[in-house]
Amino acid sequence: MHVVATAGHVDHGKSTLVRALTGMEPDRLEEERRRGLTIELGFAWTDLPGGGPLAFVDVPGHERFVATMLAGVGPVPAALFVVAADQGWQRQSQEHLAVLGALGVRHGLLAVTRRDLADAATIARVRGEALERIAATSLGEVAAVEVSGATGQGLGDLRAALRDLAAALPEPDRAADVRLWADRVFTVQGRGTVVTGTLGAGTVRVGDRLAVGGETVRVRGLQSLKERRDEVGAVARVAVNVHGGTDAIRRGDALLTPGRWLPTELIDVRLHGDPARDLPRYLVLHIGSAAVPVRVRALGEDTARLALERPLPLRAGDAALLRDPGRHRVPAGVAVLDVRPGPFARRGAAAARARELAAMGARPDGAAELRRRGLVRRADLVAMGVPPPSEPVAGDWLADPGHWDDLRRRLHGAVEQHAKEHPTDPGLPAEAARRALGLPDRALVEALATGLHRRDGRLYGTATGPELPPHVRRAVDAVRRDLAGAPFNAPDAGRLAELGLTPKLIAAAAASGALLRVADGIVLLPGADTRAAELLAKLDPPFTLSEARRALGTTRRVAVPLLEHLDEQGLTVRVDDLRRRCTERTP
């Protein structure tokens, strides 16, 4: 299917033309039919000979309903621009053309209507003026057809031109993330909420979960061109019957692929139209079917920062427009450059940002965006509309190569500095390293730690173990002398205090291999656990705590934690609550 929106001045015959082409009534409301004036969006469709189905979004032409017109045109890739031969170019003709140009619509067709009400010279003049104006916009040179919806003259030529227009439209990405802008929301008794819109990309299936307004809804049914479908792929007019979290859905909301979009209230944009400094401070941003008041802050000659009144699911590369509803004009089209801009935290930041934006191209540059951010999750970059330039360095994290190298140098420096300042405890805890580098994820520290030693959640550089100060080495030598004749009679708390061996220094001595720390306050010589297992292996298994204590020549204070230590090392194992035996690992 292809979808085309009408555009043009009020009462120039847009609805009449759609009616003649499709045999369907695009005006849904009784007031519209009574007044002969389109007020709301209308929808109709036909099958083009040799061209497949073509759907029309018929928009109102009156200046009071431009916001409604924008809701219909916003998501549609092509336009049928209508100018009446007997009236020529009018005020809303110009505004509608400005809308199409601001949105960057590149595919269109001119229909000069009411050919039965004007002579050939007038028709030629109207046609020429319209083509000249259209050519100066993003639409460029378009085909033109002279037609009368009332008499049917030229309808065959118009159908052929529409078939050619449809054939020239780019192939949509049906695997893309869904963003279906709602242009109608209504309730069907017995079925619930129905959301209609133009699906510009992606595919929607029955059973899908979609996000809208912070809620998740389930697709319980689909229709396209009044036919039930199990799935609908872009481009298409689609009606989605949704279930759950539907109370607050309205025109301008969007049904989204969950987890793939980042709603934003602050964007940096490039403007096409009035200079940024000349824009009013308050305007309305139109994108898709949404219309949101924004506060404008000029940055450069053609760049600005927009603060949105409510968040929208936007991506870099999106086309939108700014409208001044009070003056009925479109001062600027908008190309979204950044949906996650940083705050202006220092003097001169806005000017620096203006220079950055001026250097950005029309297409999002993944490498340049990664350079600006340093680190970013791949999923977030995709959700911003930026193609990932590389593979993740850890988990889902992408890193700019230069920034990553700098982080690695800083990490190595932090590890060496910590070892210098804490010689008895040289290992920098990984969490402390994360905080020191300002990293958002511990996994990044692990990925950066190439060339470093890792042990027990700490990072070591050239100092892989504690360096014991002279007074600690003297204390350790004293413990060695105490244990020389009785290797399992660990010094008590008083003796350790007398030697100045605090828990922190004991931990450092144990980490260096100078002492064996069995438990808090219980230290023996290195290898004492292995020697104890050898002695216990000579007992008749299983043995009790008392038997072990006598065999080792020690007290219960030492024997209990020592046996628990041997259990942890796999040298002994419990038989029951009172007895143990040695394992095959015992020397």
Protein backbone atom coordinates (compact mmCIF):
# COMPACT_ATOMS: atom_id res chain seq x y z
CA MET A 1 0.00 0.00 0.00
CA HIS A 2 0.98 3.63 -0.54
CA VAL A 3 -0.39 6.62 1.37
CA VAL A 4 -0.81 10.15 0.02
CA ALA A 5 -2.07 13.25 1.85
CA THR A 6 -4.03 16.02 0.17
CA ALA A 7 -2.96 19.66 0.57
CA GLY A 8 -4.27 22.98 -0.65
CA HIS A 9 -6.55 25.94 0.06
CA VAL A 10 -10.02 25.52 1.52
CA ASP A 11 -12.77 24.79 -1.02
CA HIS A 12 -10.36 23.97 -3.84
CA GLY A 13 -11.90 20.51 -4.25
CA LYS A 14 -9.61 18.18 -2.28
CA SER A 15 -12.45 16.09 -0.83
CA THR A 16 -14.37 16.14 -4.10
CA LEU A 17 -11.30 14.77 -5.87
CA VAL A 18 -10.79 12.01 -3.28
CA ARG A 19 -14.48 11.14 -3.54
CA ALA A 20 -14.27 10.92 -7.35
CA LEU A 21 -11.11 8.78 -7.24
CA THR A 22 -12.26 6.32 -4.57
CA GLY A 23 -16.07 6.35 -4.60
CA MET A 24 -15.82 6.85 -0.82
CA GLU A 25 -16.94 9.76 1.35
CA PRO A 26 -13.89 11.20 3.15
CA ASP A 27 -15.96 13.64 5.26
CA ARG A 28 -17.09 11.61 8.27
CA LEU A 29 -18.95 14.29 10.24
CA GLU A 30 -22.50 15.42 9.50
CA GLU A 31 -21.37 19.04 9.90
CA GLU A 32 -18.72 18.54 7.22
CA ARG A 33 -21.24 17.18 4.74
CA ARG A 34 -23.79 19.87 5.63
CA ARG A 35 -21.33 22.76 5.28
CA GLY A 36 -19.27 21.27 2.47
CA LEU A 37 -16.19 22.01 4.59
CA THR A 38 -13.63 19.46 5.77
CA ILE A 39 -13.06 19.91 9.50
CA GLU A 40 -11.48 16.62 10.56
CA LEU A 41 -9.11 14.22 8.84
CA GLY A 42 -10.77 11.97 6.27
CA PHE A 43 -9.58 8.63 4.94
CA ALA A 44 -10.36 6.81 1.71
CA TRP A 45 -8.65 4.41 -0.66
CA THR A 46 -8.71 2.91 -4.10
CA ASP A 47 -6.90 0.32 -6.21
CA LEU A 48 -4.77 1.85 -8.93
CA PRO A 49 -4.67 -0.17 -12.16
CA GLY A 50 -1.29 -1.87 -12.13
CA GLY A 51 -0.27 0.03 -9.00
CA GLY A 52 -1.93 -1.67 -6.03
CA PRO A 53 -3.89 0.02 -3.22
CA LEU A 54 -3.49 3.76 -2.60
CA ALA A 55 -4.87 5.39 0.55
CA PHE A 56 -5.63 9.08 0.95
CA VAL A 57 -5.47 11.21 4.06
CA ASP A 58 -7.80 14.09 3.24
CA VAL A 59 -6.95 17.19 5.27
CA PRO A 60 -8.93 20.38 5.97
CA GLY A 61 -7.90 23.48 4.03
CA HIS A 62 -9.28 26.22 6.29
CA GLU A 63 -6.70 28.22 8.24
CA ARG A 64 -8.50 27.43 11.52
CA PHE A 65 -7.73 23.74 11.00
CA VAL A 66 -4.04 23.87 10.04
CA ALA A 67 -3.12 21.94 13.20
CA THR A 68 -5.46 19.16 12.06
CA MET A 69 -3.96 19.32 8.57
CA LEU A 70 -0.49 18.89 10.10
CA ALA A 71 -1.61 15.84 12.06
CA GLY A 72 -2.60 14.19 8.77
CA VAL A 73 0.36 15.27 6.65
CA GLY A 74 3.11 14.73 9.26
CA PRO A 75 3.57 10.94 8.94
CA VAL A 76 2.77 10.70 5.18
CA PRO A 77 5.58 10.40 2.56
CA ALA A 78 3.82 12.06 -0.39
CA ALA A 79 1.30 14.80 -1.14
CA LEU A 80 -1.39 15.50 -3.72
CA PHE A 81 -1.34 19.29 -3.93
CA VAL A 82 -4.62 20.78 -5.13
CA VAL A 83 -5.11 24.24 -6.68
CA ALA A 84 -8.45 25.31 -8.18
CA ALA A 85 -8.22 26.62 -11.75
CA ASP A 86 -10.91 29.24 -11.14
CA GLN A 87 -9.29 30.67 -7.98
CA GLY A 88 -5.58 30.13 -8.41
CA TRP A 89 -2.94 30.34 -5.68
CA GLN A 90 -4.38 31.38 -2.29
CA ARG A 91 -3.23 32.05 1.26
CA GLN A 92 -3.67 28.48 2.52
CA SER A 93 -2.05 27.18 -0.64
CA GLN A 94 1.10 28.98 0.49
CA GLU A 95 0.85 27.82 4.10
CA HIS A 96 0.24 24.20 3.11
CA LEU A 97 3.20 24.34 0.72
CA ALA A 98 5.34 25.82 3.52
CA VAL A 99 4.27 22.92 5.73
CA LEU A 100 5.29 20.33 3.14
CA GLY A 101 8.61 22.09 2.56
CA ALA A 102 9.34 22.40 6.27
CA LEU A 103 8.65 18.69 6.74
CA GLY A 104 10.98 17.87 3.89
CA VAL A 105 8.35 16.02 1.83
CA ARG A 106 10.06 15.06 -1.44
CA HIS A 107 7.32 13.32 -3.42
CA GLY A 108 4.23 15.02 -4.76
CA LEU A 109 1.81 15.67 -7.57
CA LEU A 110 -0.08 18.82 -8.59
CA ALA A 111 -3.77 18.56 -9.42
CA VAL A 112 -5.28 21.68 -11.01
CA THR A 113 -8.96 21.14 -10.23
CA ARG A 114 -12.19 22.63 -11.61
CA ARG A 115 -10.82 22.65 -15.14
CA ASP A 116 -14.45 22.85 -16.28
CA LEU A 117 -14.76 26.30 -14.66
CA ALA A 118 -11.79 28.09 -16.32
CA ASP A 119 -10.51 28.71 -19.81
CA ALA A 120 -7.29 27.21 -21.15
CA ALA A 121 -5.22 30.36 -20.64
CA THR A 122 -6.28 30.66 -17.00
CA ILE A 123 -5.61 27.00 -16.38
CA ALA A 124 -2.13 27.32 -17.90
CA ARG A 125 -1.35 30.39 -15.80
CA VAL A 126 -2.54 28.74 -12.55
CA ARG A 127 -0.64 25.57 -13.39
CA GLY A 128 2.59 27.43 -14.18
CA GLU A 129 2.49 29.57 -11.04
CA ALA A 130 1.81 26.55 -8.83
CA LEU A 131 4.60 24.48 -10.39
CA GLU A 132 7.06 27.35 -9.97
CA ARG A 133 6.21 27.75 -6.29
CA ILE A 134 6.33 24.00 -5.64
CA ALA A 135 9.69 23.62 -7.41
CA ALA A 136 11.28 26.03 -4.94
CA THR A 137 10.55 23.63 -2.02
CA SER A 138 11.72 20.16 -1.06
CA LEU A 139 9.15 18.72 -3.49
CA GLY A 140 11.08 20.06 -6.48
CA GLU A 141 9.69 19.51 -9.95
CA VAL A 142 6.44 17.54 -9.88
CA ALA A 143 4.02 16.25 -12.49
CA ALA A 144 0.79 18.16 -12.99
CA VAL A 145 -2.68 17.02 -14.06
CA GLU A 146 -5.73 19.14 -14.98
CA VAL A 147 -8.88 17.54 -13.63
CA SER A 148 -12.50 18.07 -12.68
CA GLY A 149 -13.92 16.10 -9.78
CA ALA A 150 -17.41 17.21 -10.78
CA THR A 151 -17.35 16.07 -14.43
CA GLY A 152 -14.69 13.36 -14.25
CA GLN A 153 -12.49 15.04 -16.87
CA GLY A 154 -8.84 14.11 -16.41
CA LEU A 155 -9.46 11.44 -13.74
CA GLY A 156 -7.80 8.79 -15.90
CA ASP A 157 -4.70 10.96 -16.27
CA LEU A 158 -4.72 11.61 -12.52
CA ARG A 159 -4.87 7.90 -11.72
CA ALA A 160 -1.94 7.27 -14.06
CA ALA A 161 0.04 10.10 -12.45
CA LEU A 162 -0.75 8.75 -8.98
CA ARG A 163 0.45 5.30 -10.08
CA ASP A 164 3.74 6.84 -11.25
CA LEU A 165 4.04 8.77 -7.98
CA ALA A 166 3.48 5.62 -5.93
CA ALA A 167 6.06 3.71 -7.97
CA ALA A 168 8.67 6.40 -7.23
CA LEU A 169 8.23 6.29 -3.45
CA PRO A 170 11.15 4.74 -1.52
CA GLU A 171 10.76 1.24 -0.14
CA PRO A 172 9.96 1.45 3.60
CA ASP A 173 11.95 -0.35 6.30
CA ARG A 174 9.47 -2.93 7.58
CA ALA A 175 11.98 -4.19 10.18
CA ALA A 176 12.34 -0.74 11.77
CA ASP A 177 11.15 0.16 15.25
CA VAL A 178 7.48 1.09 15.27
CA ARG A 179 6.39 4.68 15.92
CA LEU A 180 2.75 4.98 14.95
CA TRP A 181 1.51 8.53 15.49
CA ALA A 182 -2.16 8.48 16.50
CA ASP A 183 -4.39 10.72 14.36
CA ARG A 184 -7.69 9.28 15.62
CA VAL A 185 -8.56 7.55 18.91
CA PHE A 186 -12.05 6.17 19.52
CA THR A 187 -13.90 3.39 21.31
CA VAL A 188 -15.77 0.51 19.69
CA GLN A 189 -18.34 -1.12 21.93
CA GLY A 190 -17.28 -4.63 22.84
CA ARG A 191 -13.76 -4.12 21.49
CA GLY A 192 -12.36 -1.17 23.36
CA THR A 193 -9.91 1.48 22.18
CA VAL A 194 -8.93 1.83 18.53
CA VAL A 195 -5.98 3.96 17.40
CA THR A 196 -5.55 4.89 13.76
CA GLY A 197 -2.52 6.32 12.01
CA THR A 198 -0.15 6.09 9.08
CA LEU A 199 2.51 3.45 9.68
CA GLY A 200 5.61 4.92 8.04
CA ALA A 201 8.08 2.19 9.05
CA GLY A 202 8.13 -1.14 10.84
CA THR A 203 5.51 -3.88 11.19
CA VAL A 204 2.69 -4.29 13.71
CA ARG A 205 1.34 -7.75 14.57
CA VAL A 206 -1.59 -9.01 16.58
CA GLY A 207 -0.29 -9.88 20.05
CA ASP A 208 2.51 -7.30 19.97
CA ARG A 209 3.21 -5.22 23.06
CA LEU A 210 3.55 -1.51 22.35
CA ALA A 211 4.42 1.38 24.63
CA VAL A 212 2.39 4.59 24.82
CA GLY A 213 2.55 7.35 27.41
CA GLY A 214 4.58 5.30 29.87
CA GLU A 215 2.14 2.38 29.68
CA THR A 216 2.24 -0.89 27.75
CA VAL A 217 -0.69 -2.01 25.63
CA ARG A 218 -1.36 -5.23 23.75
CA VAL A 219 -2.46 -5.32 20.12
CA ARG A 220 -5.67 -7.35 20.17
CA GLY A 221 -6.69 -6.66 16.57
CA LEU A 222 -5.61 -4.94 13.34
CA GLN A 223 -7.42 -3.51 10.34
CA SER A 224 -6.09 -1.93 7.17
CA LEU A 225 -8.44 -0.64 4.48
CA LYS A 226 -11.36 -2.13 6.49
CA GLU A 227 -9.87 -5.63 6.31
CA ARG A 228 -8.75 -7.59 9.36
CA ARG A 229 -5.06 -8.46 9.33
CA ASP A 230 -2.72 -10.52 11.49
CA GLU A 231 0.06 -8.09 10.66
CA VAL A 232 0.49 -4.81 8.80
CA GLY A 233 3.79 -3.55 7.39
CA ALA A 234 4.71 -0.03 6.33
CA VAL A 235 3.64 2.05 4.55
CA ALA A 236 -0.02 1.65 5.49
CA ARG A 237 -3.09 3.17 7.01
CA VAL A 238 -3.79 1.02 10.03
CA ALA A 239 -6.37 0.77 12.80
CA VAL A 240 -5.00 -0.84 15.96
CA ASN A 241 -7.36 -2.25 18.58
CA VAL A 242 -5.38 -2.05 21.84
CA HIS A 243 -5.97 -3.41 25.31
CA GLY A 244 -4.66 -2.10 28.63
CA GLY A 245 -3.50 1.37 29.70
CA THR A 246 -5.64 3.07 27.05
CA ASP A 247 -7.52 5.72 29.05
CA ALA A 248 -5.19 8.62 28.27
CA ILE A 249 -4.29 7.93 24.61
CA ARG A 250 -5.00 10.93 22.37
CA ARG A 251 -4.08 12.39 19.01
CA GLY A 252 -0.38 13.21 19.02
CA ASP A 253 0.60 10.20 21.13
CA ALA A 254 2.56 7.38 19.50
CA LEU A 255 2.46 3.60 19.76
CA LEU A 256 6.09 2.53 20.09
CA THR A 257 8.26 -0.56 20.06
CA PRO A 258 8.99 -0.94 23.82
CA GLY A 259 12.48 -0.04 25.03
CA ARG A 260 13.58 1.36 21.68
CA TRP A 261 12.68 5.03 22.06
CA LEU A 262 13.84 7.75 24.45
CA PRO A 263 11.10 10.32 25.10
CA THR A 264 12.73 13.73 25.39
CA GLU A 265 11.78 17.23 26.49
CA LEU A 266 14.94 18.94 25.21
CA ILE A 267 16.33 18.84 21.67
CA ASP A 268 18.93 20.67 19.61
CA VAL A 269 17.83 21.35 16.03
CA ARG A 270 18.84 22.88 12.71
CA LEU A 271 16.35 25.37 11.28
CA HIS A 272 15.30 25.91 7.66
CA GLY A 273 13.56 29.26 7.36
CA ASP A 274 13.78 32.36 9.52
CA PRO A 275 17.11 32.98 11.29
CA ALA A 276 17.16 31.51 14.80
CA ARG A 277 17.57 34.91 16.44
CA ASP A 278 14.37 36.17 14.75
CA LEU A 279 12.13 33.38 16.04
CA PRO A 280 9.55 34.13 18.75
CA ARG A 281 10.44 32.69 22.13
CA TYR A 282 7.35 30.48 22.17
CA LEU A 283 6.15 28.41 19.18
CA VAL A 284 4.46 25.08 18.52
CA LEU A 285 6.47 22.06 17.34
CA HIS A 286 4.64 19.76 14.93
CA ILE A 287 5.91 16.25 14.21
CA GLY A 288 3.85 13.26 13.16
CA SER A 289 0.39 13.99 14.54
CA ALA A 290 1.81 15.74 17.64
CA ALA A 291 1.62 19.47 18.34
CA VAL A 292 3.60 20.55 21.41
CA PRO A 293 4.34 24.10 22.66
CA VAL A 294 8.09 24.75 22.88
CA ARG A 295 10.41 27.42 24.24
CA VAL A 296 13.03 28.45 21.71
CA ARG A 297 16.62 29.37 22.55
CA ALA A 298 18.69 30.49 19.59
CA LEU A 299 22.22 29.08 19.51
CA GLY A 300 23.72 29.78 16.09
CA GLU A 301 22.49 31.41 12.91
CA ASP A 302 20.42 28.33 12.01
CA THR A 303 20.51 26.24 15.20
CA ALA A 304 18.44 26.35 18.35
CA ARG A 305 17.57 24.46 21.52
CA LEU A 306 13.89 23.62 22.02
CA ALA A 307 12.37 22.88 25.44
CA LEU A 308 9.18 20.88 24.94
CA GLU A 309 6.11 21.23 27.13
CA ARG A 310 5.73 17.45 27.16
CA PRO A 311 8.11 14.64 26.14
CA LEU A 312 8.03 13.17 22.63
CA PRO A 313 9.70 10.03 21.21
CA LEU A 314 12.15 11.70 18.84
CA ARG A 315 15.34 10.67 17.07
CA ALA A 316 18.19 12.47 15.37
CA GLY A 317 17.27 12.96 11.73
CA ASP A 318 13.56 13.53 12.40
CA ALA A 319 11.92 16.28 10.34
CA ALA A 320 9.45 18.60 12.05
CA LEU A 321 8.31 22.20 11.84
CA LEU A 322 7.77 25.19 14.07
CA ARG A 323 4.49 27.06 13.65
CA ASP A 324 3.35 30.41 14.98
CA PRO A 325 -0.39 29.84 15.43
CA GLY A 326 -1.03 33.47 16.34
CA ARG A 327 0.32 34.72 13.00
CA HIS A 328 -0.78 31.68 10.97
CA ARG A 329 2.67 31.02 9.56
CA VAL A 330 5.46 28.48 9.56
CA PRO A 331 8.67 30.35 10.42
CA ALA A 332 10.96 27.33 10.21
CA GLY A 333 11.34 23.70 9.37
CA VAL A 334 13.31 21.62 11.85
CA ALA A 335 15.90 18.86 11.48
CA VAL A 336 16.50 17.18 14.82
CA LEU A 337 20.23 16.93 15.56
CA ASP A 338 20.36 15.71 19.18
CA VAL A 339 17.66 14.35 21.49
CA ARG A 340 19.95 14.12 24.53
CA PRO A 341 21.84 17.43 24.63
CA GLY A 342 23.87 18.25 27.72
CA PRO A 343 23.08 21.21 29.97
CA PHE A 344 24.89 24.53 29.68
CA ALA A 345 26.85 24.33 32.92
CA ARG A 346 29.49 27.02 32.34
CA ARG A 347 30.02 30.36 30.65
CA GLY A 348 30.49 30.00 26.92
CA ALA A 349 28.88 26.54 26.77
CA ALA A 350 26.04 27.71 24.51
CA ALA A 351 28.47 29.25 22.00
CA ALA A 352 30.59 26.10 22.02
CA ARG A 353 27.48 24.02 21.43
CA ALA A 354 26.51 26.23 18.50
CA ARG A 355 29.88 25.49 16.89
CA GLU A 356 29.38 21.76 17.43
CA LEU A 357 25.92 21.85 15.87
CA ALA A 358 27.17 23.87 12.89
CA ALA A 359 29.64 21.08 12.12
CA MET A 360 27.01 18.33 12.18
CA GLY A 361 25.88 16.86 8.89
CA ALA A 362 22.35 16.07 7.76
CA ARG A 363 22.76 12.39 8.67
CA PRO A 364 23.59 11.33 12.24
CA ASP A 365 27.28 10.40 12.52
CA GLY A 366 27.82 7.56 15.00
CA ALA A 367 31.58 8.11 15.38
CA ALA A 368 31.18 11.87 15.93
CA GLU A 369 28.35 11.35 18.42
CA LEU A 370 30.44 8.82 20.33
CA ARG A 371 33.36 11.27 20.42
CA ARG A 372 31.09 13.89 21.97
CA ARG A 373 29.68 11.53 24.59
CA GLY A 374 32.74 9.37 25.31
CA LEU A 375 30.61 6.52 26.65
CA VAL A 376 27.05 5.57 25.80
CA ARG A 377 24.93 2.43 25.82
CA ARG A 378 24.43 0.99 22.36
CA ALA A 379 20.66 0.73 22.91
CA ASP A 380 20.52 4.41 23.88
CA LEU A 381 22.50 5.46 20.81
CA VAL A 382 20.14 3.51 18.57
CA ALA A 383 17.15 5.01 20.38
CA MET A 384 18.60 8.48 19.70
CA GLY A 385 18.56 7.66 15.99
CA VAL A 386 22.34 7.34 15.69
CA PRO A 387 23.95 4.29 14.01
CA PRO A 388 26.46 2.55 16.32
CA PRO A 389 29.96 2.96 14.86
CA SER A 390 31.59 0.04 16.67
CA GLU A 391 31.06 -2.99 18.88
CA PRO A 392 30.56 -2.61 22.67
CA VAL A 393 33.66 -2.57 24.88
CA ALA A 394 31.77 -4.10 27.81
CA GLY A 395 28.17 -5.27 28.07
CA ASP A 396 26.12 -2.84 25.97
CA TRP A 397 28.58 0.05 26.40
CA LEU A 398 30.17 1.77 23.42
CA ALA A 399 33.29 3.90 23.90
CA ASP A 400 35.10 6.43 21.78
CA PRO A 401 38.59 4.93 21.17
CA GLY A 402 40.44 8.06 22.30
CA HIS A 403 38.33 8.40 25.43
CA TRP A 404 38.74 4.69 26.16
CA ASP A 405 42.54 4.91 25.94
CA ASP A 406 42.48 7.93 28.24
CA LEU A 407 40.33 6.04 30.77
CA ARG A 408 42.77 3.13 30.73
CA ARG A 409 45.72 5.48 31.39
CA ARG A 410 43.81 7.13 34.22
CA LEU A 411 42.91 3.75 35.73
CA HIS A 412 46.54 2.57 35.70
CA GLY A 413 47.57 5.88 37.26
CA ALA A 414 44.91 5.59 39.96
CA VAL A 415 46.05 2.04 40.83
CA GLU A 416 49.70 3.07 41.12
CA GLN A 417 48.80 6.17 43.14
CA HIS A 418 46.72 4.10 45.55
CA ALA A 419 49.59 1.62 46.02
CA LYS A 420 51.98 4.52 46.72
CA GLU A 421 49.67 6.01 49.32
CA HIS A 422 48.71 2.67 50.90
CA PRO A 423 51.76 0.39 50.70
CA THR A 424 50.28 -2.09 53.19
CA ASP A 425 47.05 -2.32 51.16
CA PRO A 426 48.05 -1.64 47.55
CA GLY A 427 45.01 -3.16 45.85
CA LEU A 428 42.53 -0.50 44.63
CA PRO A 429 38.95 -1.77 45.10
CA ALA A 430 37.17 -1.97 41.73
CA GLU A 431 34.26 0.09 43.07
CA ALA A 432 36.65 2.83 44.21
CA ALA A 433 38.20 2.78 40.74
CA ARG A 434 34.76 3.18 39.17
CA ARG A 435 34.03 6.23 41.32
CA ALA A 436 37.47 7.74 40.69
CA LEU A 437 36.95 7.56 36.91
CA GLY A 438 33.29 8.60 37.07
CA LEU A 439 32.19 5.44 35.25
CA PRO A 440 28.52 4.42 35.22
CA ASP A 441 29.10 0.65 35.32
CA ARG A 442 31.52 -1.65 37.19
CA ALA A 443 31.81 -3.79 34.04
CA LEU A 444 33.70 -0.93 32.40
CA VAL A 445 36.38 -1.09 35.09
CA GLU A 446 36.85 -4.81 34.44
CA ALA A 447 37.18 -4.18 30.71
CA LEU A 448 39.72 -1.40 31.26
CA ALA A 449 41.88 -3.44 33.63
CA THR A 450 44.05 -5.07 30.94
CA GLY A 451 47.65 -5.19 32.13
CA LEU A 452 46.60 -5.04 35.79
CA HIS A 453 46.38 -7.88 38.29
CA ARG A 454 42.93 -8.63 39.70
CA ARG A 455 42.38 -10.41 42.98
CA ASP A 456 39.45 -10.46 45.39
CA GLY A 457 37.74 -7.48 43.77
CA ARG A 458 40.90 -5.34 43.84
CA LEU A 459 43.26 -4.09 41.16
CA TYR A 460 47.06 -4.26 41.48
CA GLY A 461 49.75 -2.68 39.34
CA THR A 462 53.49 -3.08 39.85
CA ALA A 463 52.89 -3.70 43.57
CA THR A 464 51.10 -7.05 43.51
CA GLY A 465 51.24 -7.47 47.29
CA PRO A 466 51.59 -5.35 50.42
CA GLU A 467 54.94 -3.80 51.22
CA LEU A 468 55.40 -4.19 54.97
CA PRO A 469 56.97 -1.25 56.82
CA PRO A 470 59.99 -2.06 59.07
CA HIS A 471 57.98 -1.99 62.32
CA VAL A 472 55.48 -4.49 60.90
CA ARG A 473 58.27 -6.79 59.71
CA ARG A 474 59.74 -6.69 63.22
CA ALA A 475 56.35 -7.60 64.70
CA VAL A 476 55.96 -10.49 62.26
CA ASP A 477 59.44 -11.75 63.21
CA ALA A 478 58.36 -11.69 66.87
CA VAL A 479 55.29 -13.80 66.04
CA ARG A 480 57.55 -16.23 64.19
CA ARG A 481 59.69 -16.61 67.31
CA ASP A 482 56.60 -17.12 69.50
CA LEU A 483 55.34 -19.90 67.20
CA ALA A 484 58.69 -21.57 66.61
CA GLY A 485 58.25 -24.14 69.42
CA ALA A 486 54.44 -24.30 69.45
CA PRO A 487 53.23 -23.71 65.88
CA PHE A 488 49.49 -23.86 66.77
CA ASN A 489 49.51 -21.68 69.90
CA ALA A 490 48.41 -18.47 68.19
CA PRO A 491 49.28 -15.25 70.08
CA ASP A 492 46.31 -13.83 71.95
CA ALA A 493 44.81 -10.37 71.54
CA GLY A 494 47.06 -8.90 74.22
CA ARG A 495 50.21 -10.11 72.55
CA LEU A 496 49.10 -8.84 69.14
CA ALA A 497 48.31 -5.44 70.64
CA GLU A 498 51.69 -5.39 72.36
CA LEU A 499 53.35 -5.98 68.99
CA GLY A 500 51.23 -3.25 67.35
CA LEU A 501 49.56 -5.67 64.96
CA THR A 502 46.18 -4.07 64.27
CA PRO A 503 43.57 -5.96 62.17
CA LYS A 504 44.55 -3.84 59.15
CA LEU A 505 48.26 -4.65 59.55
CA ILE A 506 47.48 -8.33 60.10
CA ALA A 507 45.51 -8.31 56.84
CA ALA A 508 48.46 -6.70 55.07
CA ALA A 509 50.90 -9.26 56.50
CA ALA A 510 48.58 -12.08 55.46
CA ALA A 511 48.21 -10.64 51.94
CA SER A 512 51.99 -10.46 51.64
CA GLY A 513 52.34 -14.11 52.71
CA ALA A 514 54.18 -13.27 55.96
CA LEU A 515 51.42 -14.63 58.19
CA LEU A 516 48.43 -16.98 57.90
CA ARG A 517 45.24 -15.34 59.08
CA VAL A 518 42.92 -18.15 60.17
CA ALA A 519 40.17 -15.92 61.59
CA ASP A 520 39.80 -12.53 63.27
CA GLY A 521 42.56 -12.33 65.90
CA ILE A 522 43.97 -15.79 65.07
CA VAL A 523 47.27 -15.78 63.16
CA LEU A 524 49.73 -18.61 62.51
CA LEU A 525 52.76 -19.07 60.30
CA PRO A 526 52.30 -19.69 56.56
CA GLY A 527 51.85 -23.43 55.90
CA ALA A 528 50.49 -24.12 59.40
CA ASP A 529 47.16 -25.27 57.93
CA THR A 530 48.86 -27.85 55.74
CA ARG A 531 50.97 -29.08 58.69
CA ALA A 532 47.83 -29.34 60.85
CA ALA A 533 46.09 -31.46 58.21
CA GLU A 534 49.08 -33.82 58.10
CA LEU A 535 48.93 -34.32 61.88
CA LEU A 536 45.16 -34.85 61.88
CA ALA A 537 45.47 -37.43 59.10
CA LYS A 538 47.33 -39.66 61.59
CA LEU A 539 44.27 -39.83 63.89
CA ASP A 540 41.75 -42.63 63.61
CA PRO A 541 38.86 -41.15 61.60
CA PRO A 542 36.53 -39.65 62.36
CA PHE A 543 37.96 -37.44 65.10
CA THR A 544 36.40 -34.98 67.50
CA LEU A 545 37.36 -31.40 68.31
CA SER A 546 38.97 -32.52 71.55
CA GLU A 547 41.07 -35.14 69.78
CA ALA A 548 42.16 -32.58 67.18
CA ARG A 549 43.03 -30.01 69.86
CA ARG A 550 45.27 -32.53 71.72
CA ALA A 551 46.94 -33.69 68.50
CA LEU A 552 47.80 -30.10 67.60
CA GLY A 553 48.79 -29.10 71.12
CA THR A 554 46.59 -26.01 71.15
CA THR A 555 43.57 -24.49 72.81
CA ARG A 556 39.90 -24.50 71.87
CA ARG A 557 40.25 -20.79 70.97
CA VAL A 558 42.57 -21.76 68.10
CA ALA A 559 41.31 -25.26 67.30
CA VAL A 560 37.72 -24.21 66.43
CA PRO A 561 38.58 -21.58 63.80
CA LEU A 562 41.51 -23.65 62.50
CA LEU A 563 39.25 -26.65 61.82
CA GLU A 564 36.71 -24.40 60.13
CA HIS A 565 39.54 -23.02 58.00
CA LEU A 566 40.57 -26.57 57.07
CA ASP A 567 36.94 -27.30 56.11
CA GLU A 568 36.93 -24.27 53.80
CA GLN A 569 40.20 -25.40 52.22
CA GLY A 570 38.76 -28.86 51.56
CA LEU A 571 41.36 -30.55 53.77
CA THR A 572 38.79 -31.80 56.29
CA VAL A 573 35.07 -32.49 56.11
CA ARG A 574 32.37 -32.88 58.75
CA VAL A 575 30.91 -36.32 59.30
CA ASP A 576 28.28 -35.08 61.77
CA ASP A 577 27.89 -32.26 64.27
CA LEU A 578 30.75 -33.52 66.43
CA ARG A 579 33.23 -35.28 64.17
CA ARG A 580 35.36 -34.73 61.09
CA ARG A 581 37.64 -36.70 58.85
CA CYS A 582 40.49 -35.73 56.54
CA THR A 583 39.90 -35.72 52.81
CA GLU A 584 41.92 -37.12 49.94
CA ARG A 585 43.36 -33.62 49.44
CA THR A 586 45.22 -33.90 52.78
CA PRO A 587 48.97 -34.14 52.12
